[in-house]
Structures are given as structure tokens and as C-alpha cells.
Amino acid sequence: MKATWKHHEDNKALDAKERNDLPASVYAFPEKRKEPLNNASHVRNAIARFDQVKDVSDHEREQAFANIKAAAKHYGVEMTETDWHDLGKKPPPPTRNTKSQPDLKLDKQPSKLQPDALSIFRDADIRRATLLHYTLSN
């Protein structure tokens, strides 16, 4: 889809009146006048919040994506997304590798570890780990 975005000479922070005075061609969503793209900061914001924009059709999102790409190129904002479906999505949080950790089973009393698990954590090891933790946290 061809971008409808056009550079606007004023790329400063906007108050409500100035934002209302902008031409529709400055917005990512020109028909709804959502997400102004008048400077690099606004372009980065439009990329990050793209999936949060409400009450727009898929066609409007496609148009907005083309507009954001054009504005990003103009303002030198790096964009790695190649499709509008990718905009605004955050990568999943890193998962912990639990396979290398010992399986600590609890017996009937949750406060006590079973003897085989206790052999892993000797008193000296616990003291060293506590001292290391205290040293690193201060």
C-alpha cells in the first residue's frame, strides 16, 4: 500500500490546538487523525503503541503501517518490522532454564527437605551463598 504521510515542517512537541491544526497527512491513521508522525519521537511512539490503537480496521492499519514506514525513513528511525501485524508486539519474556537445577522434593512437612536434597546444600555452602548474596547486594 502506498503511504499517504507527508512531512510537516513543524516537528516540535505539540499542544492540543497545534495537534488539531496538523493536516491529516501527518497522521499514521489519517482518517481517524490518530498517531501524529511529526518527529522521530512520535514515530517511535506510533511503532510501540500500534497494537493499542482502537476502533480502526485492518485496511486502516495497513495504511498506517505504510505511513509509519515512510515517516521512520524520513526521520531516521530504525524499523525492523516488515508487516503491520508485528508492530507493537513485545518479545516474550526470557524463560528460566530449569533443567540444570536439581529436583528438590519436599516430604510431608513442607519446611523440611528430603535427605538426598540436603546433601546438595551443606551448611557451609549455604553460608557461602548467603555471604555472597549479602556482599553483592550492598
N, C-alpha and C. Protein backbone atom coordinates (compact mmCIF):
# COMPACT_ATOMS: atom_id res chain seq x y z
N MET A 1 0.84 -1.17 0.00
CA MET A 1 0.00 0.00 0.00
C MET A 1 0.89 1.24 0.00
N LYS A 2 0.46 2.24 -0.71
CA LYS A 2 1.22 3.49 -0.82
C LYS A 2 0.95 4.38 0.38
N ALA A 3 2.02 4.97 0.88
CA ALA A 3 1.91 5.85 2.05
C ALA A 3 1.23 7.17 1.66
N THR A 4 0.42 7.67 2.58
CA THR A 4 -0.20 8.99 2.40
C THR A 4 0.48 10.03 3.27
N TRP A 5 1.46 9.60 4.09
CA TRP A 5 2.13 10.50 5.02
C TRP A 5 2.95 11.53 4.26
N LYS A 6 2.89 12.76 4.74
CA LYS A 6 3.71 13.84 4.19
C LYS A 6 4.38 14.57 5.33
N HIS A 7 5.64 14.89 5.12
CA HIS A 7 6.41 15.61 6.13
C HIS A 7 5.76 16.96 6.41
N HIS A 8 5.74 17.32 7.67
CA HIS A 8 5.23 18.63 8.09
C HIS A 8 6.41 19.40 8.66
N GLU A 9 6.52 20.68 8.31
CA GLU A 9 7.70 21.45 8.70
C GLU A 9 7.87 21.61 10.20
N ASP A 10 6.82 21.45 10.96
CA ASP A 10 6.89 21.68 12.40
C ASP A 10 7.07 20.34 13.10
N ASN A 11 8.25 20.06 13.64
CA ASN A 11 8.48 18.77 14.30
C ASN A 11 8.85 18.96 15.77
N LYS A 12 8.13 19.82 16.45
CA LYS A 12 8.32 20.05 17.88
C LYS A 12 7.21 19.34 18.66
N ALA A 13 7.28 19.38 19.97
CA ALA A 13 6.20 18.84 20.80
C ALA A 13 4.95 19.69 20.56
N LEU A 14 3.79 19.03 20.57
CA LEU A 14 2.54 19.71 20.23
C LEU A 14 1.60 19.81 21.41
N ASP A 15 0.91 20.95 21.50
CA ASP A 15 -0.20 21.02 22.45
C ASP A 15 -1.47 20.62 21.68
N ALA A 16 -2.61 20.58 22.34
CA ALA A 16 -3.85 20.10 21.73
C ALA A 16 -4.25 20.93 20.51
N LYS A 17 -4.14 22.24 20.61
CA LYS A 17 -4.54 23.10 19.49
C LYS A 17 -3.64 22.87 18.28
N GLU A 18 -2.33 22.80 18.52
CA GLU A 18 -1.39 22.58 17.42
C GLU A 18 -1.61 21.21 16.77
N ARG A 19 -1.92 20.23 17.59
CA ARG A 19 -2.18 18.89 17.05
C ARG A 19 -3.42 18.91 16.17
N ASN A 20 -4.47 19.63 16.61
CA ASN A 20 -5.69 19.72 15.81
C ASN A 20 -5.48 20.48 14.51
N ASP A 21 -4.50 21.36 14.47
CA ASP A 21 -4.22 22.14 13.27
C ASP A 21 -3.37 21.39 12.24
N LEU A 22 -2.80 20.26 12.62
CA LEU A 22 -1.98 19.49 11.68
C LEU A 22 -2.85 18.94 10.55
N PRO A 23 -2.29 18.86 9.34
CA PRO A 23 -3.04 18.23 8.25
C PRO A 23 -3.17 16.73 8.48
N ALA A 24 -4.20 16.11 7.94
CA ALA A 24 -4.44 14.67 8.13
C ALA A 24 -3.28 13.84 7.61
N SER A 25 -2.55 14.36 6.62
CA SER A 25 -1.45 13.61 6.02
C SER A 25 -0.27 13.40 6.96
N VAL A 26 -0.27 14.06 8.12
CA VAL A 26 0.82 13.91 9.09
C VAL A 26 0.56 12.71 10.02
N TYR A 27 -0.64 12.20 10.05
CA TYR A 27 -1.03 11.14 10.97
C TYR A 27 -0.80 9.75 10.37
N ALA A 28 -0.50 8.79 11.24
CA ALA A 28 -0.40 7.40 10.80
C ALA A 28 -1.77 6.92 10.34
N PHE A 29 -2.80 7.26 11.11
CA PHE A 29 -4.19 6.93 10.77
C PHE A 29 -4.87 8.23 10.34
N PRO A 30 -4.73 8.63 9.07
CA PRO A 30 -5.20 9.95 8.66
C PRO A 30 -6.71 10.14 8.78
N GLU A 31 -7.50 9.12 8.50
CA GLU A 31 -8.96 9.27 8.57
C GLU A 31 -9.44 9.48 10.00
N LYS A 32 -8.76 8.86 10.96
CA LYS A 32 -9.14 8.99 12.37
C LYS A 32 -8.31 10.04 13.10
N ARG A 33 -7.28 10.57 12.40
CA ARG A 33 -6.37 11.55 13.00
C ARG A 33 -5.75 11.02 14.30
N LYS A 34 -5.24 9.80 14.20
CA LYS A 34 -4.58 9.16 15.34
C LYS A 34 -3.11 8.97 15.03
N GLU A 35 -2.28 9.14 16.04
CA GLU A 35 -0.83 8.93 15.98
C GLU A 35 -0.15 9.91 15.02
N PRO A 36 0.08 11.15 15.46
CA PRO A 36 0.81 12.10 14.62
C PRO A 36 2.26 11.65 14.43
N LEU A 37 2.77 11.85 13.24
CA LEU A 37 4.14 11.44 12.90
C LEU A 37 4.95 12.68 12.51
N ASN A 38 5.03 13.64 13.42
CA ASN A 38 5.68 14.90 13.10
C ASN A 38 7.13 15.00 13.57
N ASN A 39 7.63 13.95 14.23
CA ASN A 39 9.05 13.91 14.60
C ASN A 39 9.44 12.47 14.94
N ALA A 40 10.72 12.24 15.14
CA ALA A 40 11.22 10.88 15.38
C ALA A 40 10.62 10.27 16.64
N SER A 41 10.45 11.08 17.66
CA SER A 41 9.88 10.58 18.91
C SER A 41 8.45 10.07 18.71
N HIS A 42 7.66 10.82 17.95
CA HIS A 42 6.28 10.39 17.68
C HIS A 42 6.26 9.12 16.82
N VAL A 43 7.21 9.00 15.91
CA VAL A 43 7.28 7.79 15.08
C VAL A 43 7.59 6.58 15.95
N ARG A 44 8.57 6.71 16.86
CA ARG A 44 8.89 5.59 17.76
C ARG A 44 7.69 5.24 18.63
N ASN A 45 6.96 6.25 19.08
CA ASN A 45 5.78 6.03 19.90
C ASN A 45 4.70 5.29 19.09
N ALA A 46 4.50 5.69 17.84
CA ALA A 46 3.50 5.03 16.99
C ALA A 46 3.86 3.57 16.76
N ILE A 47 5.14 3.28 16.61
CA ILE A 47 5.58 1.89 16.42
C ILE A 47 5.29 1.08 17.68
N ALA A 48 5.64 1.64 18.83
CA ALA A 48 5.49 0.91 20.10
C ALA A 48 4.02 0.69 20.47
N ARG A 49 3.16 1.64 20.14
CA ARG A 49 1.76 1.56 20.57
C ARG A 49 0.79 1.17 19.46
N PHE A 50 1.31 0.72 18.35
CA PHE A 50 0.47 0.42 17.19
C PHE A 50 -0.67 -0.54 17.52
N ASP A 51 -0.37 -1.59 18.27
CA ASP A 51 -1.40 -2.59 18.57
C ASP A 51 -2.40 -2.11 19.63
N GLN A 52 -2.18 -0.93 20.22
CA GLN A 52 -3.09 -0.40 21.23
C GLN A 52 -4.13 0.55 20.63
N VAL A 53 -3.98 0.90 19.37
CA VAL A 53 -4.93 1.82 18.72
C VAL A 53 -6.26 1.09 18.54
N LYS A 54 -7.34 1.74 18.98
CA LYS A 54 -8.66 1.10 18.93
C LYS A 54 -9.51 1.72 17.84
N ASP A 55 -10.56 0.99 17.46
CA ASP A 55 -11.57 1.45 16.51
C ASP A 55 -11.00 1.77 15.14
N VAL A 56 -10.10 0.92 14.65
CA VAL A 56 -9.58 1.05 13.29
C VAL A 56 -9.66 -0.31 12.60
N SER A 57 -9.88 -0.28 11.29
CA SER A 57 -9.99 -1.52 10.52
C SER A 57 -8.60 -2.03 10.12
N ASP A 58 -8.57 -3.25 9.62
CA ASP A 58 -7.31 -3.82 9.13
C ASP A 58 -6.78 -2.99 7.96
N HIS A 59 -7.66 -2.49 7.11
CA HIS A 59 -7.24 -1.64 5.99
C HIS A 59 -6.57 -0.37 6.52
N GLU A 60 -7.14 0.23 7.55
CA GLU A 60 -6.55 1.42 8.15
C GLU A 60 -5.20 1.11 8.79
N ARG A 61 -5.09 -0.06 9.39
CA ARG A 61 -3.80 -0.47 9.98
C ARG A 61 -2.74 -0.64 8.88
N GLU A 62 -3.15 -1.21 7.77
CA GLU A 62 -2.22 -1.38 6.66
C GLU A 62 -1.75 -0.02 6.14
N GLN A 63 -2.69 0.92 6.03
CA GLN A 63 -2.34 2.28 5.60
C GLN A 63 -1.41 2.95 6.62
N ALA A 64 -1.72 2.79 7.90
CA ALA A 64 -0.91 3.38 8.96
C ALA A 64 0.50 2.80 8.95
N PHE A 65 0.62 1.50 8.69
CA PHE A 65 1.93 0.87 8.63
C PHE A 65 2.77 1.51 7.51
N ALA A 66 2.17 1.71 6.35
CA ALA A 66 2.88 2.35 5.24
C ALA A 66 3.29 3.77 5.62
N ASN A 67 2.42 4.50 6.31
CA ASN A 67 2.73 5.86 6.75
C ASN A 67 3.85 5.88 7.77
N ILE A 68 3.82 4.96 8.71
CA ILE A 68 4.86 4.88 9.74
C ILE A 68 6.21 4.55 9.10
N LYS A 69 6.21 3.62 8.14
CA LYS A 69 7.46 3.28 7.44
C LYS A 69 8.04 4.50 6.73
N ALA A 70 7.17 5.28 6.06
CA ALA A 70 7.64 6.47 5.35
C ALA A 70 8.20 7.50 6.33
N ALA A 71 7.49 7.72 7.43
CA ALA A 71 7.96 8.70 8.43
C ALA A 71 9.25 8.21 9.10
N ALA A 72 9.33 6.92 9.38
CA ALA A 72 10.53 6.36 10.01
C ALA A 72 11.74 6.56 9.10
N LYS A 73 11.56 6.32 7.82
CA LYS A 73 12.66 6.52 6.87
C LYS A 73 13.07 8.00 6.84
N HIS A 74 12.10 8.89 6.83
CA HIS A 74 12.38 10.33 6.79
C HIS A 74 13.15 10.80 8.02
N TYR A 75 12.73 10.33 9.20
CA TYR A 75 13.34 10.79 10.46
C TYR A 75 14.51 9.92 10.91
N GLY A 76 14.85 8.88 10.14
CA GLY A 76 15.98 8.02 10.50
C GLY A 76 15.71 7.10 11.67
N VAL A 77 14.46 6.69 11.84
CA VAL A 77 14.08 5.75 12.90
C VAL A 77 14.17 4.34 12.34
N GLU A 78 14.95 3.49 13.01
CA GLU A 78 15.12 2.12 12.54
C GLU A 78 13.85 1.32 12.78
N MET A 79 13.42 0.61 11.75
CA MET A 79 12.24 -0.24 11.84
C MET A 79 12.60 -1.63 11.34
N THR A 80 12.44 -2.63 12.19
CA THR A 80 12.76 -4.00 11.77
C THR A 80 11.51 -4.76 11.35
N GLU A 81 10.34 -4.26 11.69
CA GLU A 81 9.09 -4.93 11.36
C GLU A 81 8.83 -4.83 9.86
N THR A 82 8.33 -5.92 9.28
CA THR A 82 8.04 -5.94 7.85
C THR A 82 6.55 -6.02 7.56
N ASP A 83 5.75 -6.18 8.60
CA ASP A 83 4.31 -6.31 8.44
C ASP A 83 3.62 -5.63 9.62
N TRP A 84 2.46 -5.06 9.39
CA TRP A 84 1.79 -4.33 10.47
C TRP A 84 1.39 -5.23 11.62
N HIS A 85 1.24 -6.53 11.38
CA HIS A 85 0.89 -7.46 12.46
C HIS A 85 2.00 -7.55 13.52
N ASP A 86 3.22 -7.18 13.14
CA ASP A 86 4.36 -7.27 14.05
C ASP A 86 4.54 -6.03 14.92
N LEU A 87 3.91 -4.92 14.55
CA LEU A 87 4.13 -3.66 15.27
C LEU A 87 3.53 -3.69 16.66
N GLY A 88 4.28 -3.15 17.62
CA GLY A 88 3.79 -3.01 18.98
C GLY A 88 3.88 -4.27 19.82
N LYS A 89 4.17 -5.40 19.21
CA LYS A 89 4.24 -6.64 19.98
C LYS A 89 5.57 -6.72 20.70
N LYS A 90 5.51 -7.13 21.94
CA LYS A 90 6.72 -7.26 22.73
C LYS A 90 7.23 -8.69 22.65
N PRO A 91 8.54 -8.88 22.66
CA PRO A 91 9.06 -10.24 22.66
C PRO A 91 8.68 -10.94 23.97
N PRO A 92 8.52 -12.26 23.92
CA PRO A 92 8.18 -12.98 25.15
C PRO A 92 9.29 -12.85 26.18
N PRO A 93 8.93 -12.86 27.46
CA PRO A 93 9.97 -12.75 28.49
C PRO A 93 10.88 -13.97 28.45
N PRO A 94 12.14 -13.81 28.80
CA PRO A 94 13.06 -14.96 28.79
C PRO A 94 12.60 -16.02 29.80
N THR A 95 12.79 -17.26 29.42
CA THR A 95 12.41 -18.36 30.30
C THR A 95 13.63 -18.83 31.07
N ARG A 96 13.37 -19.32 32.27
CA ARG A 96 14.46 -19.85 33.10
C ARG A 96 14.80 -21.26 32.65
N ASN A 97 16.06 -21.56 32.65
CA ASN A 97 16.49 -22.92 32.33
C ASN A 97 16.41 -23.74 33.61
N THR A 98 15.38 -24.52 33.74
CA THR A 98 15.17 -25.29 34.98
C THR A 98 15.74 -26.69 34.89
N LYS A 99 16.21 -27.11 33.72
CA LYS A 99 16.73 -28.48 33.57
C LYS A 99 18.03 -28.68 34.33
N SER A 100 18.86 -27.65 34.45
CA SER A 100 20.13 -27.82 35.12
C SER A 100 20.03 -27.71 36.64
N GLN A 101 18.86 -27.33 37.14
CA GLN A 101 18.68 -27.21 38.58
C GLN A 101 18.26 -28.55 39.17
N PRO A 102 18.75 -28.88 40.37
CA PRO A 102 18.37 -30.16 40.97
C PRO A 102 16.89 -30.18 41.32
N ASP A 103 16.33 -31.37 41.25
CA ASP A 103 14.92 -31.54 41.60
C ASP A 103 14.82 -31.67 43.11
N LEU A 104 14.35 -30.64 43.79
CA LEU A 104 14.23 -30.65 45.24
C LEU A 104 12.80 -31.04 45.61
N LYS A 105 12.67 -32.25 46.13
CA LYS A 105 11.35 -32.73 46.50
C LYS A 105 11.13 -32.50 47.99
N LEU A 106 9.95 -32.12 48.33
CA LEU A 106 9.60 -31.91 49.73
C LEU A 106 8.89 -33.15 50.26
N ASP A 107 9.17 -33.49 51.52
CA ASP A 107 8.41 -34.57 52.11
C ASP A 107 7.13 -33.99 52.72
N LYS A 108 6.47 -34.73 53.58
CA LYS A 108 5.16 -34.32 54.09
C LYS A 108 5.19 -32.99 54.81
N GLN A 109 6.29 -32.64 55.43
CA GLN A 109 6.40 -31.35 56.10
C GLN A 109 7.11 -30.38 55.14
N PRO A 110 6.39 -29.39 54.62
CA PRO A 110 6.97 -28.53 53.61
C PRO A 110 8.22 -27.78 54.06
N SER A 111 8.44 -27.64 55.35
CA SER A 111 9.60 -26.88 55.80
C SER A 111 10.88 -27.71 55.78
N LYS A 112 10.80 -29.00 55.56
CA LYS A 112 11.99 -29.85 55.58
C LYS A 112 12.23 -30.46 54.21
N LEU A 113 13.48 -30.44 53.78
CA LEU A 113 13.86 -31.08 52.54
C LEU A 113 14.17 -32.55 52.80
N GLN A 114 13.99 -33.38 51.81
CA GLN A 114 14.35 -34.79 51.95
C GLN A 114 15.86 -34.92 52.05
N PRO A 115 16.37 -35.98 52.70
CA PRO A 115 17.80 -36.11 52.92
C PRO A 115 18.65 -36.05 51.66
N ASP A 116 18.19 -36.60 50.51
CA ASP A 116 19.02 -36.56 49.31
C ASP A 116 19.20 -35.12 48.81
N ALA A 117 18.23 -34.29 49.02
CA ALA A 117 18.35 -32.89 48.62
C ALA A 117 19.26 -32.13 49.59
N LEU A 118 19.26 -32.53 50.86
CA LEU A 118 20.11 -31.86 51.84
C LEU A 118 21.58 -32.05 51.54
N SER A 119 21.94 -33.16 50.93
CA SER A 119 23.35 -33.39 50.62
C SER A 119 23.86 -32.39 49.59
N ILE A 120 22.97 -31.84 48.81
CA ILE A 120 23.37 -30.85 47.82
C ILE A 120 23.73 -29.54 48.49
N PHE A 121 22.97 -29.19 49.53
CA PHE A 121 23.15 -27.91 50.20
C PHE A 121 23.69 -28.12 51.61
N ARG A 122 24.98 -28.23 51.71
CA ARG A 122 25.60 -28.37 53.03
C ARG A 122 25.60 -27.03 53.72
N ASP A 123 25.73 -27.06 55.03
CA ASP A 123 25.71 -25.81 55.79
C ASP A 123 26.75 -24.81 55.31
N ALA A 124 27.94 -25.28 54.99
CA ALA A 124 28.99 -24.37 54.53
C ALA A 124 28.61 -23.72 53.20
N ASP A 125 27.98 -24.50 52.33
CA ASP A 125 27.55 -23.95 51.04
C ASP A 125 26.50 -22.87 51.25
N ILE A 126 25.61 -23.10 52.17
CA ILE A 126 24.55 -22.14 52.45
C ILE A 126 25.14 -20.85 53.01
N ARG A 127 26.12 -20.99 53.91
CA ARG A 127 26.76 -19.80 54.48
C ARG A 127 27.49 -19.00 53.39
N ARG A 128 28.21 -19.71 52.52
CA ARG A 128 28.92 -19.02 51.43
C ARG A 128 27.95 -18.31 50.49
N ALA A 129 26.85 -18.96 50.14
CA ALA A 129 25.86 -18.35 49.26
C ALA A 129 25.22 -17.14 49.92
N THR A 130 24.94 -17.24 51.22
CA THR A 130 24.35 -16.11 51.95
C THR A 130 25.33 -14.95 52.00
N LEU A 131 26.60 -15.25 52.29
CA LEU A 131 27.62 -14.20 52.35
C LEU A 131 27.80 -13.54 50.99
N LEU A 132 27.84 -14.34 49.93
CA LEU A 132 27.96 -13.80 48.57
C LEU A 132 26.77 -12.92 48.23
N HIS A 133 25.59 -13.37 48.53
CA HIS A 133 24.39 -12.58 48.27
C HIS A 133 24.43 -11.25 49.03
N TYR A 134 24.82 -11.31 50.31
CA TYR A 134 24.89 -10.09 51.12
C TYR A 134 25.93 -9.13 50.56
N THR A 135 27.08 -9.67 50.13
CA THR A 135 28.16 -8.85 49.58
C THR A 135 27.72 -8.18 48.28
N LEU A 136 27.07 -8.92 47.41
CA LEU A 136 26.65 -8.36 46.12
C LEU A 136 25.50 -7.38 46.26
N SER A 137 24.68 -7.55 47.26
CA SER A 137 23.51 -6.65 47.40
C SER A 137 23.85 -5.35 48.09
N ASN A 138 25.04 -5.23 48.68
CA ASN A 138 25.43 -3.98 49.36
C ASN A 138 26.46 -3.22 48.59
